[in-house]
Structures are given as structure tokens and as C-alpha cells.
Amino acid sequence: MDMATQARIKELADSGRDDLVVIVGHLDVGGAELVAETVTAGDPTWAGPLAGVALGLPVYHVLEPAVKAAIAPEAYEAHLSLQELALESDAPIQAVRAVRERQQA
């Protein structure tokens, strides 16, 4: 996650977290897990505005069934169906879920 995105998420979280949810779209496990860790426990690379800042935001992968169900079918088909086809395994989804569950524990 780039520095500008981290700064924007921090700004939004500082304005109020009640309605803020982070949706991750990475298809690789490492990228998905890194973003999930960054918005929950803080930037693990210590390189950005979220270094040491544990926002504790809820985080989901865009291809999780609960997220998919909340998206209009025609929008999902137009914007995410190819991404879902390219997904080699559900490992990125599981990685994001594991980070979320650790945060909730």
C-alpha cells in the first residue's frame, strides 16, 4: 500500500471509524496480508504514515462471499468476475480473514 493511500486511510479513520471498512483486492497472499495488517495493526514495514498506528479497522477481501453478496450482480460481473477467474486459490481470502480474526480476538 503506497504512502498516499495510507495517509488517506489514516485521515478517514481519524474522522470516525464507525462506518469505515477496508476492502482488499490483491490476488497474491503477500499483498493481501500486508494491506490487511497495515489497516489493522499498523504498517509492518514501518515505512508509511501507518507505521506503529494500529487502526483496528475491519478488513475483508473483495472476493469473500459476504462482500460479493453485497455487490450488485451486474457490477460484480463487469468489474470483478475476471479477477475471480484469475484467482488460483482462496489463499488471499484466507489470509485477509486470518488477519481480521486475529484483530477481533
PDB file of N, CA and C in Angstrom:
ATOM      1  N   MET A   1       0.855  -1.159   0.000  1.00  0.00           N
ATOM      2  CA  MET A   1       0.000   0.000   0.000  1.00  0.00           C
ATOM      3  C   MET A   1       0.907   1.230   0.000  1.00  0.00           C
ATOM      4  N   ASP A   2       0.635   2.145  -0.921  1.00  0.00           N
ATOM      5  CA  ASP A   2       1.508   3.314  -1.037  1.00  0.00           C
ATOM      6  C   ASP A   2       1.257   4.313   0.086  1.00  0.00           C
ATOM      7  N   MET A   3       2.171   5.263   0.209  1.00  0.00           N
ATOM      8  CA  MET A   3       2.118   6.230   1.307  1.00  0.00           C
ATOM      9  C   MET A   3       0.868   7.111   1.249  1.00  0.00           C
ATOM     10  N   ALA A   4       0.480   7.515   0.044  1.00  0.00           N
ATOM     11  CA  ALA A   4      -0.708   8.371  -0.096  1.00  0.00           C
ATOM     12  C   ALA A   4      -1.967   7.638   0.357  1.00  0.00           C
ATOM     13  N   THR A   5      -2.077   6.373   0.029  1.00  0.00           N
ATOM     14  CA  THR A   5      -3.242   5.588   0.438  1.00  0.00           C
ATOM     15  C   THR A   5      -3.254   5.412   1.951  1.00  0.00           C
ATOM     16  N   GLN A   6      -2.091   5.126   2.524  1.00  0.00           N
ATOM     17  CA  GLN A   6      -2.007   5.014   3.985  1.00  0.00           C
ATOM     18  C   GLN A   6      -2.444   6.323   4.648  1.00  0.00           C
ATOM     19  N   ALA A   7      -1.960   7.436   4.114  1.00  0.00           N
ATOM     20  CA  ALA A   7      -2.308   8.743   4.690  1.00  0.00           C
ATOM     21  C   ALA A   7      -3.811   8.986   4.597  1.00  0.00           C
ATOM     22  N   ARG A   8      -4.415   8.641   3.479  1.00  0.00           N
ATOM     23  CA  ARG A   8      -5.858   8.854   3.294  1.00  0.00           C
ATOM     24  C   ARG A   8      -6.671   7.976   4.243  1.00  0.00           C
ATOM     25  N   ILE A   9      -6.265   6.726   4.407  1.00  0.00           N
ATOM     26  CA  ILE A   9      -6.967   5.831   5.325  1.00  0.00           C
ATOM     27  C   ILE A   9      -6.842   6.342   6.753  1.00  0.00           C
ATOM     28  N   LYS A  10      -5.663   6.807   7.124  1.00  0.00           N
ATOM     29  CA  LYS A  10      -5.465   7.367   8.469  1.00  0.00           C
ATOM     30  C   LYS A  10      -6.361   8.588   8.673  1.00  0.00           C
ATOM     31  N   GLU A  11      -6.429   9.441   7.677  1.00  0.00           N
ATOM     32  CA  GLU A  11      -7.278  10.639   7.738  1.00  0.00           C
ATOM     33  C   GLU A  11      -8.747  10.247   7.923  1.00  0.00           C
ATOM     34  N   LEU A  12      -9.204   9.274   7.153  1.00  0.00           N
ATOM     35  CA  LEU A  12     -10.594   8.815   7.272  1.00  0.00           C
ATOM     36  C   LEU A  12     -10.851   8.201   8.646  1.00  0.00           C
ATOM     37  N   ALA A  13      -9.911   7.397   9.129  1.00  0.00           N
ATOM     38  CA  ALA A  13     -10.076   6.764  10.437  1.00  0.00           C
ATOM     39  C   ALA A  13     -10.079   7.798  11.554  1.00  0.00           C
ATOM     40  N   ASP A  14      -9.268   8.828  11.416  1.00  0.00           N
ATOM     41  CA  ASP A  14      -9.234   9.890  12.416  1.00  0.00           C
ATOM     42  C   ASP A  14     -10.546  10.677  12.446  1.00  0.00           C
ATOM     43  N   SER A  15     -11.269  10.690  11.330  1.00  0.00           N
ATOM     44  CA  SER A  15     -12.548  11.394  11.239  1.00  0.00           C
ATOM     45  C   SER A  15     -13.694  10.572  11.817  1.00  0.00           C
ATOM     46  N   GLY A  16     -13.482   9.280  11.983  1.00  0.00           N
ATOM     47  CA  GLY A  16     -14.525   8.403  12.527  1.00  0.00           C
ATOM     48  C   GLY A  16     -14.418   7.026  11.919  1.00  0.00           C
ATOM     49  N   ARG A  17     -14.398   6.031  12.766  1.00  0.00           N
ATOM     50  CA  ARG A  17     -14.191   4.651  12.312  1.00  0.00           C
ATOM     51  C   ARG A  17     -15.465   3.826  12.239  1.00  0.00           C
ATOM     52  N   ASP A  18     -16.556   4.351  12.752  1.00  0.00           N
ATOM     53  CA  ASP A  18     -17.768   3.550  12.867  1.00  0.00           C
ATOM     54  C   ASP A  18     -18.258   2.976  11.543  1.00  0.00           C
ATOM     55  N   ASP A  19     -18.141   3.727  10.478  1.00  0.00           N
ATOM     56  CA  ASP A  19     -18.651   3.285   9.181  1.00  0.00           C
ATOM     57  C   ASP A  19     -17.538   2.943   8.194  1.00  0.00           C
ATOM     58  N   LEU A  20     -16.334   2.730   8.684  1.00  0.00           N
ATOM     59  CA  LEU A  20     -15.187   2.505   7.807  1.00  0.00           C
ATOM     60  C   LEU A  20     -14.829   1.029   7.762  1.00  0.00           C
ATOM     61  N   VAL A  21     -14.801   0.481   6.555  1.00  0.00           N
ATOM     62  CA  VAL A  21     -14.415  -0.908   6.306  1.00  0.00           C
ATOM     63  C   VAL A  21     -13.424  -0.891   5.160  1.00  0.00           C
ATOM     64  N   VAL A  22     -12.391  -1.709   5.243  1.00  0.00           N
ATOM     65  CA  VAL A  22     -11.388  -1.773   4.189  1.00  0.00           C
ATOM     66  C   VAL A  22     -11.627  -3.038   3.366  1.00  0.00           C
ATOM     67  N   ILE A  23     -11.677  -2.864   2.057  1.00  0.00           N
ATOM     68  CA  ILE A  23     -11.851  -3.980   1.130  1.00  0.00           C
ATOM     69  C   ILE A  23     -10.548  -4.146   0.353  1.00  0.00           C
ATOM     70  N   VAL A  24      -9.956  -5.328   0.438  1.00  0.00           N
ATOM     71  CA  VAL A  24      -8.685  -5.645  -0.209  1.00  0.00           C
ATOM     72  C   VAL A  24      -8.962  -6.397  -1.501  1.00  0.00           C
ATOM     73  N   GLY A  25      -8.205  -6.099  -2.542  1.00  0.00           N
ATOM     74  CA  GLY A  25      -8.411  -6.767  -3.819  1.00  0.00           C
ATOM     75  C   GLY A  25      -7.218  -7.553  -4.336  1.00  0.00           C
ATOM     76  N   HIS A  26      -6.132  -7.603  -3.580  1.00  0.00           N
ATOM     77  CA  HIS A  26      -4.933  -8.326  -4.041  1.00  0.00           C
ATOM     78  C   HIS A  26      -5.241  -9.800  -4.289  1.00  0.00           C
ATOM     79  N   LEU A  27      -4.682 -10.325  -5.361  1.00  0.00           N
ATOM     80  CA  LEU A  27      -4.844 -11.748  -5.649  1.00  0.00           C
ATOM     81  C   LEU A  27      -3.687 -12.570  -5.112  1.00  0.00           C
ATOM     82  N   ASP A  28      -2.607 -11.902  -4.677  1.00  0.00           N
ATOM     83  CA  ASP A  28      -1.492 -12.646  -4.099  1.00  0.00           C
ATOM     84  C   ASP A  28      -1.587 -12.575  -2.574  1.00  0.00           C
ATOM     85  N   VAL A  29      -1.182 -13.645  -1.930  1.00  0.00           N
ATOM     86  CA  VAL A  29      -1.304 -13.764  -0.480  1.00  0.00           C
ATOM     87  C   VAL A  29      -0.515 -12.664   0.225  1.00  0.00           C
ATOM     88  N   GLY A  30       0.717 -12.455  -0.183  1.00  0.00           N
ATOM     89  CA  GLY A  30       1.571 -11.469   0.473  1.00  0.00           C
ATOM     90  C   GLY A  30       0.992 -10.065   0.433  1.00  0.00           C
ATOM     91  N   GLY A  31       0.525  -9.656  -0.726  1.00  0.00           N
ATOM     92  CA  GLY A  31      -0.047  -8.323  -0.870  1.00  0.00           C
ATOM     93  C   GLY A  31      -1.320  -8.162  -0.058  1.00  0.00           C
ATOM     94  N   ALA A  32      -2.179  -9.166  -0.109  1.00  0.00           N
ATOM     95  CA  ALA A  32      -3.434  -9.112   0.635  1.00  0.00           C
ATOM     96  C   ALA A  32      -3.170  -9.052   2.137  1.00  0.00           C
ATOM     97  N   GLU A  33      -2.256  -9.878   2.602  1.00  0.00           N
ATOM     98  CA  GLU A  33      -1.946  -9.919   4.026  1.00  0.00           C
ATOM     99  C   GLU A  33      -1.281  -8.625   4.489  1.00  0.00           C
ATOM    100  N   LEU A  34      -0.396  -8.068   3.678  1.00  0.00           N
ATOM    101  CA  LEU A  34       0.285  -6.826   4.033  1.00  0.00           C
ATOM    102  C   LEU A  34      -0.707  -5.676   4.196  1.00  0.00           C
ATOM    103  N   VAL A  35      -1.641  -5.548   3.268  1.00  0.00           N
ATOM    104  CA  VAL A  35      -2.652  -4.487   3.374  1.00  0.00           C
ATOM    105  C   VAL A  35      -3.525  -4.715   4.604  1.00  0.00           C
ATOM    106  N   ALA A  36      -3.949  -5.949   4.819  1.00  0.00           N
ATOM    107  CA  ALA A  36      -4.796  -6.252   5.977  1.00  0.00           C
ATOM    108  C   ALA A  36      -4.068  -5.932   7.279  1.00  0.00           C
ATOM    109  N   GLU A  37      -2.818  -6.310   7.386  1.00  0.00           N
ATOM    110  CA  GLU A  37      -2.023  -5.998   8.586  1.00  0.00           C
ATOM    111  C   GLU A  37      -1.870  -4.495   8.765  1.00  0.00           C
ATOM    112  N   THR A  38      -1.648  -3.786   7.668  1.00  0.00           N
ATOM    113  CA  THR A  38      -1.422  -2.345   7.740  1.00  0.00           C
ATOM    114  C   THR A  38      -2.625  -1.614   8.303  1.00  0.00           C
ATOM    115  N   VAL A  39      -3.821  -1.996   7.892  1.00  0.00           N
ATOM    116  CA  VAL A  39      -5.022  -1.267   8.345  1.00  0.00           C
ATOM    117  C   VAL A  39      -5.557  -1.772   9.685  1.00  0.00           C
ATOM    118  N   THR A  40      -5.014  -2.872  10.180  1.00  0.00           N
ATOM    119  CA  THR A  40      -5.438  -3.353  11.487  1.00  0.00           C
ATOM    120  C   THR A  40      -4.382  -3.054  12.547  1.00  0.00           C
ATOM    121  N   ALA A  41      -3.167  -3.554  12.357  1.00  0.00           N
ATOM    122  CA  ALA A  41      -2.121  -3.460  13.386  1.00  0.00           C
ATOM    123  C   ALA A  41      -1.083  -2.388  13.107  1.00  0.00           C
ATOM    124  N   GLY A  42      -1.094  -1.802  11.916  1.00  0.00           N
ATOM    125  CA  GLY A  42      -0.094  -0.805  11.546  1.00  0.00           C
ATOM    126  C   GLY A  42       0.840  -1.340  10.476  1.00  0.00           C
ATOM    127  N   ASP A  43       1.498  -0.442   9.776  1.00  0.00           N
ATOM    128  CA  ASP A  43       2.379  -0.807   8.667  1.00  0.00           C
ATOM    129  C   ASP A  43       3.553  -1.643   9.182  1.00  0.00           C
ATOM    130  N   PRO A  44       3.587  -2.944   8.838  1.00  0.00           N
ATOM    131  CA  PRO A  44       4.662  -3.802   9.334  1.00  0.00           C
ATOM    132  C   PRO A  44       6.029  -3.481   8.719  1.00  0.00           C
ATOM    133  N   THR A  45       6.046  -2.703   7.641  1.00  0.00           N
ATOM    134  CA  THR A  45       7.328  -2.326   7.046  1.00  0.00           C
ATOM    135  C   THR A  45       7.900  -1.070   7.690  1.00  0.00           C
ATOM    136  N   TRP A  46       7.113  -0.418   8.524  1.00  0.00           N
ATOM    137  CA  TRP A  46       7.500   0.822   9.200  1.00  0.00           C
ATOM    138  C   TRP A  46       7.936   1.886   8.212  1.00  0.00           C
ATOM    139  N   ALA A  47       7.280   1.939   7.051  1.00  0.00           N
ATOM    140  CA  ALA A  47       7.684   2.872   6.005  1.00  0.00           C
ATOM    141  C   ALA A  47       6.666   3.967   5.732  1.00  0.00           C
ATOM    142  N   GLY A  48       5.476   3.860   6.277  1.00  0.00           N
ATOM    143  CA  GLY A  48       4.439   4.813   5.911  1.00  0.00           C
ATOM    144  C   GLY A  48       3.772   5.468   7.097  1.00  0.00           C
ATOM    145  N   PRO A  49       2.765   6.282   6.815  1.00  0.00           N
ATOM    146  CA  PRO A  49       2.033   7.002   7.863  1.00  0.00           C
ATOM    147  C   PRO A  49       1.362   6.086   8.888  1.00  0.00           C
ATOM    148  N   LEU A  50       1.146   4.828   8.559  1.00  0.00           N
ATOM    149  CA  LEU A  50       0.520   3.904   9.493  1.00  0.00           C
ATOM    150  C   LEU A  50       1.530   3.061  10.266  1.00  0.00           C
ATOM    151  N   ALA A  51       2.814   3.399  10.173  1.00  0.00           N
ATOM    152  CA  ALA A  51       3.844   2.695  10.947  1.00  0.00           C
ATOM    153  C   ALA A  51       3.554   2.893  12.426  1.00  0.00           C
ATOM    154  N   GLY A  52       3.347   1.801  13.141  1.00  0.00           N
ATOM    155  CA  GLY A  52       3.071   1.873  14.563  1.00  0.00           C
ATOM    156  C   GLY A  52       1.680   2.359  14.923  1.00  0.00           C
ATOM    157  N   VAL A  53       0.812   2.519  13.927  1.00  0.00           N
ATOM    158  CA  VAL A  53      -0.550   3.013  14.159  1.00  0.00           C
ATOM    159  C   VAL A  53      -1.529   1.853  13.965  1.00  0.00           C
ATOM    160  N   ALA A  54      -2.031   1.324  15.044  1.00  0.00           N
ATOM    161  CA  ALA A  54      -2.978   0.208  14.988  1.00  0.00           C
ATOM    162  C   ALA A  54      -4.395   0.762  14.873  1.00  0.00           C
ATOM    163  N   LEU A  55      -4.901   0.833  13.652  1.00  0.00           N
ATOM    164  CA  LEU A  55      -6.246   1.374  13.439  1.00  0.00           C
ATOM    165  C   LEU A  55      -7.339   0.393  13.842  1.00  0.00           C
ATOM    166  N   GLY A  56      -7.055  -0.897  13.741  1.00  0.00           N
ATOM    167  CA  GLY A  56      -8.055  -1.897  14.103  1.00  0.00           C
ATOM    168  C   GLY A  56      -9.276  -1.904  13.208  1.00  0.00           C
ATOM    169  N   LEU A  57      -9.104  -1.506  11.956  1.00  0.00           N
ATOM    170  CA  LEU A  57     -10.244  -1.436  11.038  1.00  0.00           C
ATOM    171  C   LEU A  57     -10.669  -2.827  10.582  1.00  0.00           C
ATOM    172  N   PRO A  58     -11.961  -3.032  10.381  1.00  0.00           N
ATOM    173  CA  PRO A  58     -12.402  -4.301   9.810  1.00  0.00           C
ATOM    174  C   PRO A  58     -11.930  -4.390   8.362  1.00  0.00           C
ATOM    175  N   VAL A  59     -11.442  -5.551   7.987  1.00  0.00           N
ATOM    176  CA  VAL A  59     -10.885  -5.724   6.646  1.00  0.00           C
ATOM    177  C   VAL A  59     -11.422  -7.015   6.038  1.00  0.00           C
ATOM    178  N   TYR A  60     -11.792  -6.919   4.754  1.00  0.00           N
ATOM    179  CA  TYR A  60     -12.344  -8.054   4.018  1.00  0.00           C
ATOM    180  C   TYR A  60     -11.707  -8.112   2.641  1.00  0.00           C
ATOM    181  N   HIS A  61     -11.689  -9.300   2.062  1.00  0.00           N
ATOM    182  CA  HIS A  61     -11.245  -9.445   0.671  1.00  0.00           C
ATOM    183  C   HIS A  61     -12.470  -9.288  -0.219  1.00  0.00           C
ATOM    184  N   VAL A  62     -12.302  -8.619  -1.329  1.00  0.00           N
ATOM    185  CA  VAL A  62     -13.427  -8.335  -2.224  1.00  0.00           C
ATOM    186  C   VAL A  62     -14.093  -9.604  -2.762  1.00  0.00           C
ATOM    187  N   LEU A  63     -13.366 -10.715  -2.752  1.00  0.00           N
ATOM    188  CA  LEU A  63     -13.938 -11.951  -3.263  1.00  0.00           C
ATOM    189  C   LEU A  63     -14.533 -12.839  -2.163  1.00  0.00           C
ATOM    190  N   GLU A  64     -14.570 -12.351  -0.926  1.00  0.00           N
ATOM    191  CA  GLU A  64     -15.237 -13.107   0.142  1.00  0.00           C
ATOM    192  C   GLU A  64     -16.732 -13.155  -0.164  1.00  0.00           C
ATOM    193  N   PRO A  65     -17.378 -14.263   0.138  1.00  0.00           N
ATOM    194  CA  PRO A  65     -18.807 -14.393  -0.169  1.00  0.00           C
ATOM    195  C   PRO A  65     -19.670 -13.261   0.390  1.00  0.00           C
ATOM    196  N   ALA A  66     -19.402 -12.800   1.605  1.00  0.00           N
ATOM    197  CA  ALA A  66     -20.219 -11.728   2.196  1.00  0.00           C
ATOM    198  C   ALA A  66     -20.080 -10.422   1.418  1.00  0.00           C
ATOM    199  N   VAL A  67     -18.886 -10.135   0.935  1.00  0.00           N
ATOM    200  CA  VAL A  67     -18.671  -8.915   0.149  1.00  0.00           C
ATOM    201  C   VAL A  67     -19.302  -9.080  -1.226  1.00  0.00           C
ATOM    202  N   LYS A  68     -19.053 -10.219  -1.826  1.00  0.00           N
ATOM    203  CA  LYS A  68     -19.614 -10.490  -3.148  1.00  0.00           C
ATOM    204  C   LYS A  68     -21.140 -10.352  -3.133  1.00  0.00           C
ATOM    205  N   ALA A  69     -21.777 -10.832  -2.075  1.00  0.00           N
ATOM    206  CA  ALA A  69     -23.233 -10.771  -1.975  1.00  0.00           C
ATOM    207  C   ALA A  69     -23.751  -9.344  -1.851  1.00  0.00           C
ATOM    208  N   ALA A  70     -22.899  -8.429  -1.385  1.00  0.00           N
ATOM    209  CA  ALA A  70     -23.316  -7.039  -1.195  1.00  0.00           C
ATOM    210  C   ALA A  70     -23.143  -6.191  -2.456  1.00  0.00           C
ATOM    211  N   ILE A  71     -22.560  -6.773  -3.492  1.00  0.00           N
ATOM    212  CA  ILE A  71     -22.308  -6.041  -4.739  1.00  0.00           C
ATOM    213  C   ILE A  71     -23.374  -6.410  -5.765  1.00  0.00           C
ATOM    214  N   ALA A  72     -23.889  -5.413  -6.442  1.00  0.00           N
ATOM    215  CA  ALA A  72     -24.879  -5.672  -7.489  1.00  0.00           C
ATOM    216  C   ALA A  72     -24.292  -6.660  -8.503  1.00  0.00           C
ATOM    217  N   PRO A  73     -25.056  -7.682  -8.886  1.00  0.00           N
ATOM    218  CA  PRO A  73     -24.534  -8.714  -9.794  1.00  0.00           C
ATOM    219  C   PRO A  73     -23.941  -8.158 -11.085  1.00  0.00           C
ATOM    220  N   GLU A  74     -24.567  -7.144 -11.679  1.00  0.00           N
ATOM    221  CA  GLU A  74     -24.038  -6.598 -12.924  1.00  0.00           C
ATOM    222  C   GLU A  74     -22.719  -5.855 -12.693  1.00  0.00           C
ATOM    223  N   ALA A  75     -22.572  -5.209 -11.543  1.00  0.00           N
ATOM    224  CA  ALA A  75     -21.314  -4.529 -11.216  1.00  0.00           C
ATOM    225  C   ALA A  75     -20.225  -5.559 -10.943  1.00  0.00           C
ATOM    226  N   TYR A  76     -20.582  -6.622 -10.244  1.00  0.00           N
ATOM    227  CA  TYR A  76     -19.615  -7.685  -9.975  1.00  0.00           C
ATOM    228  C   TYR A  76     -19.130  -8.300 -11.292  1.00  0.00           C
ATOM    229  N   GLU A  77     -20.065  -8.590 -12.156  1.00  0.00           N
ATOM    230  CA  GLU A  77     -19.712  -9.184 -13.450  1.00  0.00           C
ATOM    231  C   GLU A  77     -18.800  -8.257 -14.241  1.00  0.00           C
ATOM    232  N   ALA A  78     -19.103  -6.984 -14.276  1.00  0.00           N
ATOM    233  CA  ALA A  78     -18.329  -6.024 -15.060  1.00  0.00           C
ATOM    234  C   ALA A  78     -16.947  -5.756 -14.485  1.00  0.00           C
ATOM    235  N   HIS A  79     -16.822  -5.772 -13.161  1.00  0.00           N
ATOM    236  CA  HIS A  79     -15.572  -5.318 -12.553  1.00  0.00           C
ATOM    237  C   HIS A  79     -14.761  -6.383 -11.832  1.00  0.00           C
ATOM    238  N   LEU A  80     -15.378  -7.479 -11.425  1.00  0.00           N
ATOM    239  CA  LEU A  80     -14.665  -8.440 -10.591  1.00  0.00           C
ATOM    240  C   LEU A  80     -14.670  -9.877 -11.088  1.00  0.00           C
ATOM    241  N   SER A  81     -15.497 -10.196 -12.046  1.00  0.00           N
ATOM    242  CA  SER A  81     -15.598 -11.593 -12.466  1.00  0.00           C
ATOM    243  C   SER A  81     -14.285 -12.114 -13.049  1.00  0.00           C
ATOM    244  N   LEU A  82     -13.565 -11.289 -13.796  1.00  0.00           N
ATOM    245  CA  LEU A  82     -12.274 -11.732 -14.335  1.00  0.00           C
ATOM    246  C   LEU A  82     -11.242 -11.918 -13.233  1.00  0.00           C
ATOM    247  N   GLN A  83     -11.302 -11.065 -12.233  1.00  0.00           N
ATOM    248  CA  GLN A  83     -10.395 -11.204 -11.093  1.00  0.00           C
ATOM    249  C   GLN A  83     -10.665 -12.528 -10.378  1.00  0.00           C
ATOM    250  N   GLU A  84     -11.928 -12.855 -10.224  1.00  0.00           N
ATOM    251  CA  GLU A  84     -12.284 -14.113  -9.572  1.00  0.00           C
ATOM    252  C   GLU A  84     -11.791 -15.310 -10.390  1.00  0.00           C
ATOM    253  N   LEU A  85     -11.892 -15.212 -11.703  1.00  0.00           N
ATOM    254  CA  LEU A  85     -11.390 -16.292 -12.563  1.00  0.00           C
ATOM    255  C   LEU A  85      -9.885 -16.444 -12.469  1.00  0.00           C
ATOM    256  N   ALA A  86      -9.182 -15.329 -12.273  1.00  0.00           N
ATOM    257  CA  ALA A  86      -7.718 -15.349 -12.198  1.00  0.00           C
ATOM    258  C   ALA A  86      -7.207 -15.861 -10.851  1.00  0.00           C
ATOM    259  N   LEU A  87      -8.071 -15.898  -9.854  1.00  0.00           N
ATOM    260  CA  LEU A  87      -7.675 -16.350  -8.527  1.00  0.00           C
ATOM    261  C   LEU A  87      -7.320 -17.829  -8.571  1.00  0.00           C
ATOM    262  N   GLU A  88      -6.084 -18.150  -8.240  1.00  0.00           N
ATOM    263  CA  GLU A  88      -5.619 -19.535  -8.318  1.00  0.00           C
ATOM    264  C   GLU A  88      -6.080 -20.379  -7.132  1.00  0.00           C
ATOM    265  N   SER A  89      -6.224 -19.745  -5.982  1.00  0.00           N
ATOM    266  CA  SER A  89      -6.725 -20.433  -4.789  1.00  0.00           C
ATOM    267  C   SER A  89      -7.369 -19.386  -3.891  1.00  0.00           C
ATOM    268  N   ASP A  90      -7.994 -19.847  -2.840  1.00  0.00           N
ATOM    269  CA  ASP A  90      -8.599 -18.876  -1.925  1.00  0.00           C
ATOM    270  C   ASP A  90      -7.615 -18.422  -0.848  1.00  0.00           C
ATOM    271  N   ALA A  91      -6.332 -18.661  -1.041  1.00  0.00           N
ATOM    272  CA  ALA A  91      -5.316 -18.285  -0.052  1.00  0.00           C
ATOM    273  C   ALA A  91      -5.316 -16.789   0.280  1.00  0.00           C
ATOM    274  N   PRO A  92      -5.450 -15.875  -0.706  1.00  0.00           N
ATOM    275  CA  PRO A  92      -5.507 -14.455  -0.327  1.00  0.00           C
ATOM    276  C   PRO A  92      -6.730 -14.126   0.530  1.00  0.00           C
ATOM    277  N   ILE A  93      -7.849 -14.752   0.231  1.00  0.00           N
ATOM    278  CA  ILE A  93      -9.068 -14.545   1.013  1.00  0.00           C
ATOM    279  C   ILE A  93      -8.856 -15.059   2.435  1.00  0.00           C
ATOM    280  N   GLN A  94      -8.255 -16.230   2.558  1.00  0.00           N
ATOM    281  CA  GLN A  94      -7.982 -16.806   3.869  1.00  0.00           C
ATOM    282  C   GLN A  94      -6.991 -15.958   4.663  1.00  0.00           C
ATOM    283  N   ALA A  95      -6.003 -15.374   3.970  1.00  0.00           N
ATOM    284  CA  ALA A  95      -5.015 -14.529   4.649  1.00  0.00           C
ATOM    285  C   ALA A  95      -5.671 -13.292   5.250  1.00  0.00           C
ATOM    286  N   VAL A  96      -6.550 -12.656   4.494  1.00  0.00           N
ATOM    287  CA  VAL A  96      -7.258 -11.472   4.995  1.00  0.00           C
ATOM    288  C   VAL A  96      -8.176 -11.868   6.144  1.00  0.00           C
ATOM    289  N   ARG A  97      -8.871 -12.965   6.000  1.00  0.00           N
ATOM    290  CA  ARG A  97      -9.762 -13.440   7.054  1.00  0.00           C
ATOM    291  C   ARG A  97      -8.980 -13.724   8.341  1.00  0.00           C
ATOM    292  N   ALA A  98      -7.799 -14.331   8.207  1.00  0.00           N
ATOM    293  CA  ALA A  98      -6.974 -14.641   9.388  1.00  0.00           C
ATOM    294  C   ALA A  98      -6.534 -13.360  10.110  1.00  0.00           C
ATOM    295  N   VAL A  99      -6.163 -12.354   9.352  1.00  0.00           N
ATOM    296  CA  VAL A  99      -5.789 -11.068   9.976  1.00  0.00           C
ATOM    297  C   VAL A  99      -6.991 -10.474  10.688  1.00  0.00           C
ATOM    298  N   ARG A 100      -8.148 -10.490  10.052  1.00  0.00           N
ATOM    299  CA  ARG A 100      -9.363  -9.954  10.661  1.00  0.00           C
ATOM    300  C   ARG A 100      -9.713 -10.704  11.953  1.00  0.00           C
ATOM    301  N   GLU A 101      -9.620 -12.006  11.921  1.00  0.00           N
ATOM    302  CA  GLU A 101      -9.950 -12.806  13.094  1.00  0.00           C
ATOM    303  C   GLU A 101      -8.959 -12.585  14.239  1.00  0.00           C
ATOM    304  N   ARG A 102      -7.678 -12.395  13.915  1.00  0.00           N
ATOM    305  CA  ARG A 102      -6.701 -12.061  14.947  1.00  0.00           C
ATOM    306  C   ARG A 102      -7.043 -10.727  15.594  1.00  0.00           C
ATOM    307  N   GLN A 103      -7.478  -9.781  14.779  1.00  0.00           N
ATOM    308  CA  GLN A 103      -7.822  -8.454  15.274  1.00  0.00           C
ATOM    309  C   GLN A 103      -9.038  -8.512  16.201  1.00  0.00           C
ATOM    310  N   GLN A 104      -9.986  -9.371  15.868  1.00  0.00           N
ATOM    311  CA  GLN A 104     -11.212  -9.459  16.648  1.00  0.00           C
ATOM    312  C   GLN A 104     -11.008 -10.226  17.962  1.00  0.00           C
ATOM    313  N   ALA A 105      -9.940 -11.013  18.022  1.00  0.00           N
ATOM    314  CA  ALA A 105      -9.698 -11.838  19.223  1.00  0.00           C
ATOM    315  C   ALA A 105      -9.242 -11.025  20.410  1.00  0.00           C
TER     316      ALA A 105
END
